[in-house]
Protein backbone atom coordinates (compact mmCIF):
# COMPACT_ATOMS: atom_id res chain seq x y z
CA MET A 1 95.88 33.79 11.88
CA SER A 2 94.67 36.96 10.29
CA SER A 3 97.22 38.57 8.08
CA SER A 4 95.27 42.08 8.23
CA VAL A 5 97.26 44.57 9.28
CA VAL A 6 97.11 47.14 12.08
CA ALA A 7 98.64 50.48 12.80
CA GLY A 8 98.76 53.04 16.12
CA ARG A 9 100.20 56.20 16.90
CA VAL A 10 101.85 56.87 20.04
CA PRO A 11 99.99 59.65 21.25
CA GLY A 12 102.24 63.24 21.52
CA ASP A 13 105.44 64.45 20.39
CA GLY A 14 109.09 64.96 22.00
CA PRO A 15 111.24 62.64 23.63
CA LEU A 16 110.17 58.70 23.43
CA VAL A 17 111.19 55.29 24.58
CA LEU A 18 108.93 53.02 22.59
CA VAL A 19 109.80 49.24 22.31
CA HIS A 20 108.41 45.86 21.06
CA GLY A 21 108.90 42.27 22.46
CA GLY A 22 108.20 40.34 18.99
CA ALA A 23 104.79 40.25 17.26
CA TRP A 24 103.05 36.61 16.75
CA ASP A 25 100.05 35.02 18.41
CA ILE A 26 101.26 35.06 21.78
CA PRO A 27 99.59 32.92 24.24
CA GLN A 28 97.28 33.67 26.79
CA ASP A 29 99.72 32.23 29.54
CA GLU A 30 102.61 34.08 28.51
CA THR A 31 100.77 37.46 28.55
CA GLU A 32 101.45 38.55 31.98
CA ALA A 33 105.26 37.81 31.55
CA HIS A 34 105.65 39.85 28.26
CA LEU A 35 103.66 42.81 29.92
CA ASP A 36 106.53 42.11 32.51
CA GLY A 37 109.19 42.22 30.43
CA LEU A 38 108.42 45.27 28.60
CA ASP A 39 107.52 47.44 31.87
CA ARG A 40 111.07 46.45 33.05
CA ALA A 41 112.64 47.51 29.91
CA LEU A 42 110.58 50.63 29.70
CA ARG A 43 111.41 51.52 33.16
CA ILE A 44 115.06 51.30 32.45
CA GLY A 45 114.66 53.01 29.59
CA GLN A 46 112.83 56.31 31.63
CA ARG A 47 115.68 56.51 34.10
CA ALA A 48 117.87 56.31 31.42
CA LEU A 49 116.48 59.05 29.39
CA GLU A 50 116.61 61.31 32.61
CA ARG A 51 119.65 61.02 33.69
CA GLY A 52 120.67 62.55 30.20
CA LEU A 53 121.80 59.65 28.36
CA ALA A 54 121.95 59.76 24.68
CA SER A 55 119.61 57.80 22.67
CA LEU A 56 122.28 55.33 21.02
CA ASP A 57 123.06 54.46 24.82
CA VAL A 58 119.03 54.14 25.85
CA VAL A 59 118.43 51.96 23.34
CA VAL A 60 121.28 49.83 24.35
CA GLU A 61 120.17 49.38 28.34
CA VAL A 62 116.70 48.93 26.88
CA VAL A 63 117.41 45.68 24.70
CA ALA A 64 119.78 44.70 27.40
CA ALA A 65 116.93 44.84 29.65
CA LEU A 66 114.65 42.56 27.46
CA GLU A 67 117.65 40.26 26.34
CA ASP A 68 117.61 39.53 30.15
CA HIS A 69 114.11 38.50 30.56
CA PRO A 70 113.49 34.91 29.71
CA ALA A 71 109.84 35.98 28.28
CA PHE A 72 111.59 36.76 24.83
CA ASP A 73 113.35 35.32 22.00
CA ALA A 74 117.08 37.24 23.00
CA GLY A 75 119.58 36.74 25.09
CA ARG A 76 118.38 34.15 28.07
CA GLY A 77 114.96 32.47 26.53
CA ALA A 78 116.16 32.10 22.87
CA VAL A 79 114.88 29.52 20.43
CA LEU A 80 117.42 26.99 19.52
CA ASP A 81 118.63 25.93 16.25
CA ARG A 82 118.48 22.30 15.20
CA ASP A 83 121.55 21.21 17.39
CA GLY A 84 119.53 22.61 20.38
CA GLN A 85 122.01 25.86 20.39
CA PRO A 86 121.10 29.61 20.90
CA GLN A 87 121.87 31.70 18.07
CA LEU A 88 122.20 35.02 18.85
CA ASP A 89 122.41 38.55 16.56
CA ALA A 90 121.55 42.25 17.41
CA GLY A 91 122.31 45.52 16.11
CA VAL A 92 122.13 48.60 16.77
CA MET A 93 122.67 52.34 14.74
CA ASP A 94 122.76 55.84 15.71
CA GLY A 95 120.70 58.09 13.53
CA GLY A 96 123.00 61.28 14.25
CA ASP A 97 125.98 59.94 12.06
CA LEU A 98 124.72 56.53 10.92
CA THR A 99 127.50 54.39 12.61
CA TRP A 100 126.23 50.88 13.35
CA GLY A 101 127.38 48.27 15.01
CA ALA A 102 126.31 44.66 14.90
CA VAL A 103 126.78 40.69 15.90
CA ALA A 104 125.31 37.72 14.48
CA ASN A 105 125.75 33.54 15.76
CA VAL A 106 126.97 34.39 18.68
CA ARG A 107 126.16 31.58 21.59
CA ARG A 108 128.54 32.89 24.42
CA LEU A 109 126.71 36.38 24.99
CA LYS A 110 124.70 37.28 27.58
CA ASN A 111 124.09 40.83 26.24
CA PRO A 112 124.97 40.91 22.36
CA ILE A 113 123.50 44.27 22.42
CA ARG A 114 126.42 45.19 24.32
CA THR A 115 129.11 44.20 21.91
CA ALA A 116 127.15 45.81 19.03
CA ARG A 117 127.41 49.07 20.66
CA ALA A 118 131.35 48.80 21.16
CA LEU A 119 131.57 48.34 17.36
CA VAL A 120 129.66 51.69 16.85
CA ASP A 121 133.09 53.45 18.26
CA GLU A 122 135.58 51.26 16.39
CA ASP A 123 136.12 53.84 13.80
CA GLY A 124 134.77 51.51 11.00
CA GLN A 125 137.37 49.00 11.25
CA ALA A 126 134.50 46.62 11.18
CA ARG A 127 130.65 46.95 11.98
CA LEU A 128 129.45 43.23 11.69
CA LEU A 129 131.29 40.46 13.67
CA VAL A 130 130.10 36.82 13.54
CA ALA A 131 130.24 33.63 15.44
CA ASP A 132 134.20 33.38 17.45
CA GLY A 133 135.10 36.61 16.04
CA ALA A 134 132.37 38.37 17.85
CA GLU A 135 132.86 36.57 20.72
CA ARG A 136 136.74 37.59 20.70
CA PHE A 137 135.96 40.87 20.60
CA ALA A 138 133.42 40.80 23.18
CA ALA A 139 136.59 39.24 25.12
CA GLU A 140 138.75 42.10 24.50
CA LEU A 141 136.22 44.34 25.81
CA GLY A 142 136.13 42.25 28.76
CA HIS A 143 132.60 41.03 28.41
CA ALA A 144 132.13 37.74 29.94
CA ALA A 145 131.48 34.73 28.10
CA VAL A 146 128.79 32.55 29.50
CA SER A 147 127.68 28.83 28.82
CA PRO A 148 125.48 28.62 26.07
CA SER A 149 123.22 26.28 28.30
CA SER A 150 122.82 28.96 31.02
CA LEU A 151 121.07 30.88 27.84
CA VAL A 152 118.76 28.08 27.27
CA VAL A 153 115.38 27.69 29.30
CA GLU A 154 113.15 24.63 29.64
CA ARG A 155 110.28 26.15 27.84
CA GLU A 156 112.23 26.13 24.32
CA VAL A 157 113.85 22.83 25.14
CA ALA A 158 110.63 21.34 24.98
CA ARG A 159 109.40 23.14 22.26
CA HIS A 160 112.78 22.44 20.21
CA ARG A 161 111.37 18.57 20.97
CA ARG A 162 108.07 18.85 19.66
CA ILE A 163 109.42 20.48 16.21
CA ALA A 164 111.91 17.78 15.98
CA GLU A 165 109.08 15.68 15.35
CA HIS A 166 107.54 17.22 12.00
CA ALA A 167 110.66 16.12 9.61
CA ALA A 168 109.12 18.44 6.74
CA PHE A 169 109.11 21.70 9.25
CA HIS A 170 110.11 24.86 7.44
CA THR A 171 111.38 27.86 9.53
CA SER A 172 108.93 30.36 8.02
CA ALA A 173 105.86 28.15 9.65
CA ALA A 174 106.62 29.30 12.93
CA PHE A 175 106.16 33.17 11.74
CA ALA A 176 102.93 31.78 10.34
CA GLY A 177 101.43 30.89 13.04
CA ALA A 178 101.52 26.82 12.17
CA MET A 179 102.97 26.12 15.20
CA ASP A 180 103.21 27.28 18.84
CA VAL A 181 106.67 28.91 18.63
CA PRO A 182 107.83 32.14 19.97
CA ARG A 183 108.80 34.87 17.33
CA GLY A 184 109.70 37.41 20.15
CA THR A 185 112.60 39.80 19.00
CA VAL A 186 113.00 42.61 20.87
CA GLY A 187 113.97 46.00 19.67
CA CYS A 188 113.75 49.44 20.58
CA VAL A 189 113.76 53.00 19.29
CA VAL A 190 114.35 56.16 21.17
CA ARG A 191 114.15 60.08 20.43
CA ASP A 192 116.11 61.63 23.44
CA GLY A 193 115.72 65.22 24.39
CA ALA A 194 118.39 66.69 21.80
CA GLY A 195 116.32 65.39 19.09
CA ARG A 196 118.74 62.51 18.40
CA LEU A 197 117.35 59.20 17.39
CA ALA A 198 118.71 55.49 17.50
CA ALA A 199 117.17 51.94 16.78
CA ALA A 200 118.10 48.78 18.11
CA THR A 201 117.28 44.99 17.88
CA SER A 202 118.42 41.84 19.45
CA THR A 203 116.93 37.94 18.48
CA GLY A 204 117.67 34.51 19.17
CA GLY A 205 116.49 34.23 15.31
CA ALA A 206 114.60 31.48 13.74
CA PRO A 207 113.37 28.62 15.54
CA TYR A 208 114.82 25.06 14.33
CA THR A 209 117.15 27.18 11.37
CA ARG A 210 120.56 25.61 10.24
CA ALA A 211 123.41 26.30 12.14
CA GLY A 212 125.20 29.51 11.07
CA ARG A 213 121.90 31.41 9.70
CA VAL A 214 121.68 34.92 9.91
CA GLY A 215 118.58 37.15 9.73
CA ASP A 216 117.73 40.44 9.43
CA SER A 217 118.41 41.78 13.07
CA PRO A 218 122.08 42.36 12.76
CA ILE A 219 121.61 43.97 9.23
CA PRO A 220 120.76 47.66 9.04
CA GLY A 221 118.16 48.51 6.64
CA ALA A 222 116.26 45.85 7.51
CA GLY A 223 115.77 44.39 11.19
CA PHE A 224 117.13 48.42 12.12
CA PHE A 225 117.54 51.11 11.19
CA ALA A 226 118.18 55.03 12.08
CA ASP A 227 118.33 58.09 10.29
CA ALA A 228 118.04 61.75 10.72
CA TYR A 229 114.53 61.08 10.10
CA GLY A 230 113.43 58.37 11.78
CA ALA A 231 114.19 55.15 13.77
CA ALA A 232 112.98 52.01 13.15
CA SER A 233 112.96 48.25 14.84
CA ALA A 234 111.52 45.59 12.99
CA THR A 235 110.03 42.06 14.14
CA GLY A 236 109.00 39.06 12.29
CA TRP A 237 110.76 36.49 9.62
CA GLY A 238 113.82 37.52 8.72
CA GLU A 239 114.20 36.37 5.49
CA ALA A 240 111.30 38.32 4.09
CA ILE A 241 112.33 41.29 6.16
CA LEU A 242 115.61 40.97 4.58
CA THR A 243 114.02 40.89 1.47
CA THR A 244 111.81 44.50 1.83
CA GLN A 245 114.45 46.14 3.68
CA LEU A 246 111.80 46.64 6.04
CA ALA A 247 112.84 49.34 8.56
CA ALA A 248 114.84 51.27 5.98
CA ARG A 249 111.73 51.39 3.23
CA ALA A 250 109.77 52.59 6.36
CA VAL A 251 111.93 55.37 7.58
CA ALA A 252 112.40 56.41 3.69
CA ALA A 253 108.59 57.09 4.01
CA VAL A 254 108.86 59.44 7.12
CA GLU A 255 111.50 61.35 4.96
CA ARG A 256 108.93 61.59 2.30
CA GLY A 257 106.64 63.18 4.49
CA GLU A 258 104.84 60.10 6.00
CA SER A 259 103.43 59.68 9.58
CA PRO A 260 105.16 57.05 11.46
CA ASP A 261 102.23 54.84 11.74
CA ARG A 262 101.13 55.28 8.15
CA ALA A 263 104.87 54.72 6.84
CA ALA A 264 105.33 51.85 9.66
CA GLU A 265 101.43 50.40 7.85
CA ALA A 266 102.40 50.95 4.29
CA ALA A 267 106.10 49.01 4.85
CA VAL A 268 104.37 45.90 6.40
CA LEU A 269 101.19 45.89 3.82
CA ASP A 270 104.21 45.75 1.26
CA LEU A 271 105.96 42.97 2.94
CA GLY A 272 103.00 40.94 2.89
CA ALA A 273 102.01 41.77 -0.72
CA ARG A 274 105.24 40.79 -2.40
CA VAL A 275 106.62 37.97 -0.07
CA ARG A 276 105.26 34.62 0.57
CA TRP A 277 105.30 32.05 2.95
CA ALA A 278 106.25 28.03 2.04
CA GLU A 279 102.70 27.36 1.92
CA ALA A 280 102.22 30.62 -0.28
CA SER A 281 99.86 32.67 2.52
CA ARG A 282 101.48 36.36 2.66
CA ALA A 283 104.60 36.94 5.21
CA THR A 284 104.08 38.80 8.50
CA ALA A 285 106.05 41.27 10.25
CA GLY A 286 105.66 44.21 13.48
CA LEU A 287 107.50 47.26 13.13
CA ILE A 288 107.87 50.65 15.66
CA LEU A 289 108.97 53.72 14.25
CA VAL A 290 109.81 57.09 15.02
CA GLY A 291 110.17 60.07 13.36
CA ALA A 292 112.54 63.03 14.00
CA ASP A 293 109.69 65.15 15.78
CA GLY A 294 109.48 62.45 18.06
CA THR A 295 106.02 61.24 16.53
CA ALA A 296 105.78 57.18 16.49
CA GLY A 297 103.63 54.51 15.63
CA TRP A 298 103.68 51.00 14.93
CA ALA A 299 102.27 48.20 12.74
CA PHE A 300 101.83 44.21 12.93
CA SER A 301 100.02 41.87 10.98
CA THR A 302 100.04 39.09 13.25
CA PRO A 303 97.36 38.42 16.06
CA ARG A 304 99.80 40.19 19.12
CA MET A 305 102.34 42.17 18.99
CA ALA A 306 104.24 43.54 22.34
CA ARG A 307 104.62 47.00 22.59
CA GLY A 308 104.83 50.01 25.09
CA TRP A 309 105.54 53.38 25.16
CA TRP A 310 106.92 55.97 27.71
CA ARG A 311 107.25 60.13 27.16
CA PRO A 312 108.78 62.39 30.11
CA GLY A 313 105.79 63.26 32.23
CA GLU A 314 103.86 60.46 31.35
CA GLU A 315 103.07 56.76 32.34
CA ARG A 316 104.37 53.79 31.13
CA VAL A 317 102.33 51.69 28.79
CA ALA A 318 102.71 47.91 27.60
CA THR A 319 99.89 46.10 25.63
CA LEU A 320 100.15 43.12 23.22
CA ASP A 321 96.48 43.25 21.37
CA ARG A 322 94.96 44.49 18.54
């Protein structure tokens, strides 16, 4: 597995919907499903932006669509913990006023990103809710609870069985590419027509992890971040992303004058240089990033990263390869 960093720039500037569906060695037989999921989400983002929705609401609609698509490790299709259960995390942030909301360790929410969005409007009473508390808050909002089994797909049941056969399995092994395990955390960043920025990330977490584990996805600055200068969403080994505060680090580089593609590349390179896997190889990650003017880029240090974008007046683009 290559640890070199690939970075790219989204052509143009101005309004933009930019998404990712995880950075890992996506198998060829899952390529079509990933591209389909990206295009469906981009289509929803396109319609939302064309209707004049603010960036905060656009990222939520896009990520909810990715949660609904079983190709990704988020919502339905999430990986399973050691107990064979899904554990979902999600977070969203408004770059205009730095408000954010997040939920973690939920098992009965079809779209945790929608519950996270509701916390943005809670006037700071709570920004991050976990487990039963998050699900009770969702119930107060009228978000219907679902059975955890409805979020489980047979693909992940089979993978869980295979991982369980490895007594010494370390969570980081999945992100290092040591096993056929999905790392399809999803995310979106948006710059709307008014210049407002927002970021959102949602995940089913790490495969075969301990019950109660919380990764980077619901933590602002790590798995997602947005301010007046930029908006970023990350994917990869949560513990490494938490350690380096990947999303905030990249946005800070944009504030200092770096282009989004170079800022994303530098942040992913820094993570690999500073954090090691259990077997001592470099940690890997992926990142999407948009600046205040709508210039945008991405970077990843894995064999593939599912990503796509759309700008007004242009065609939707979805791709996986380097």
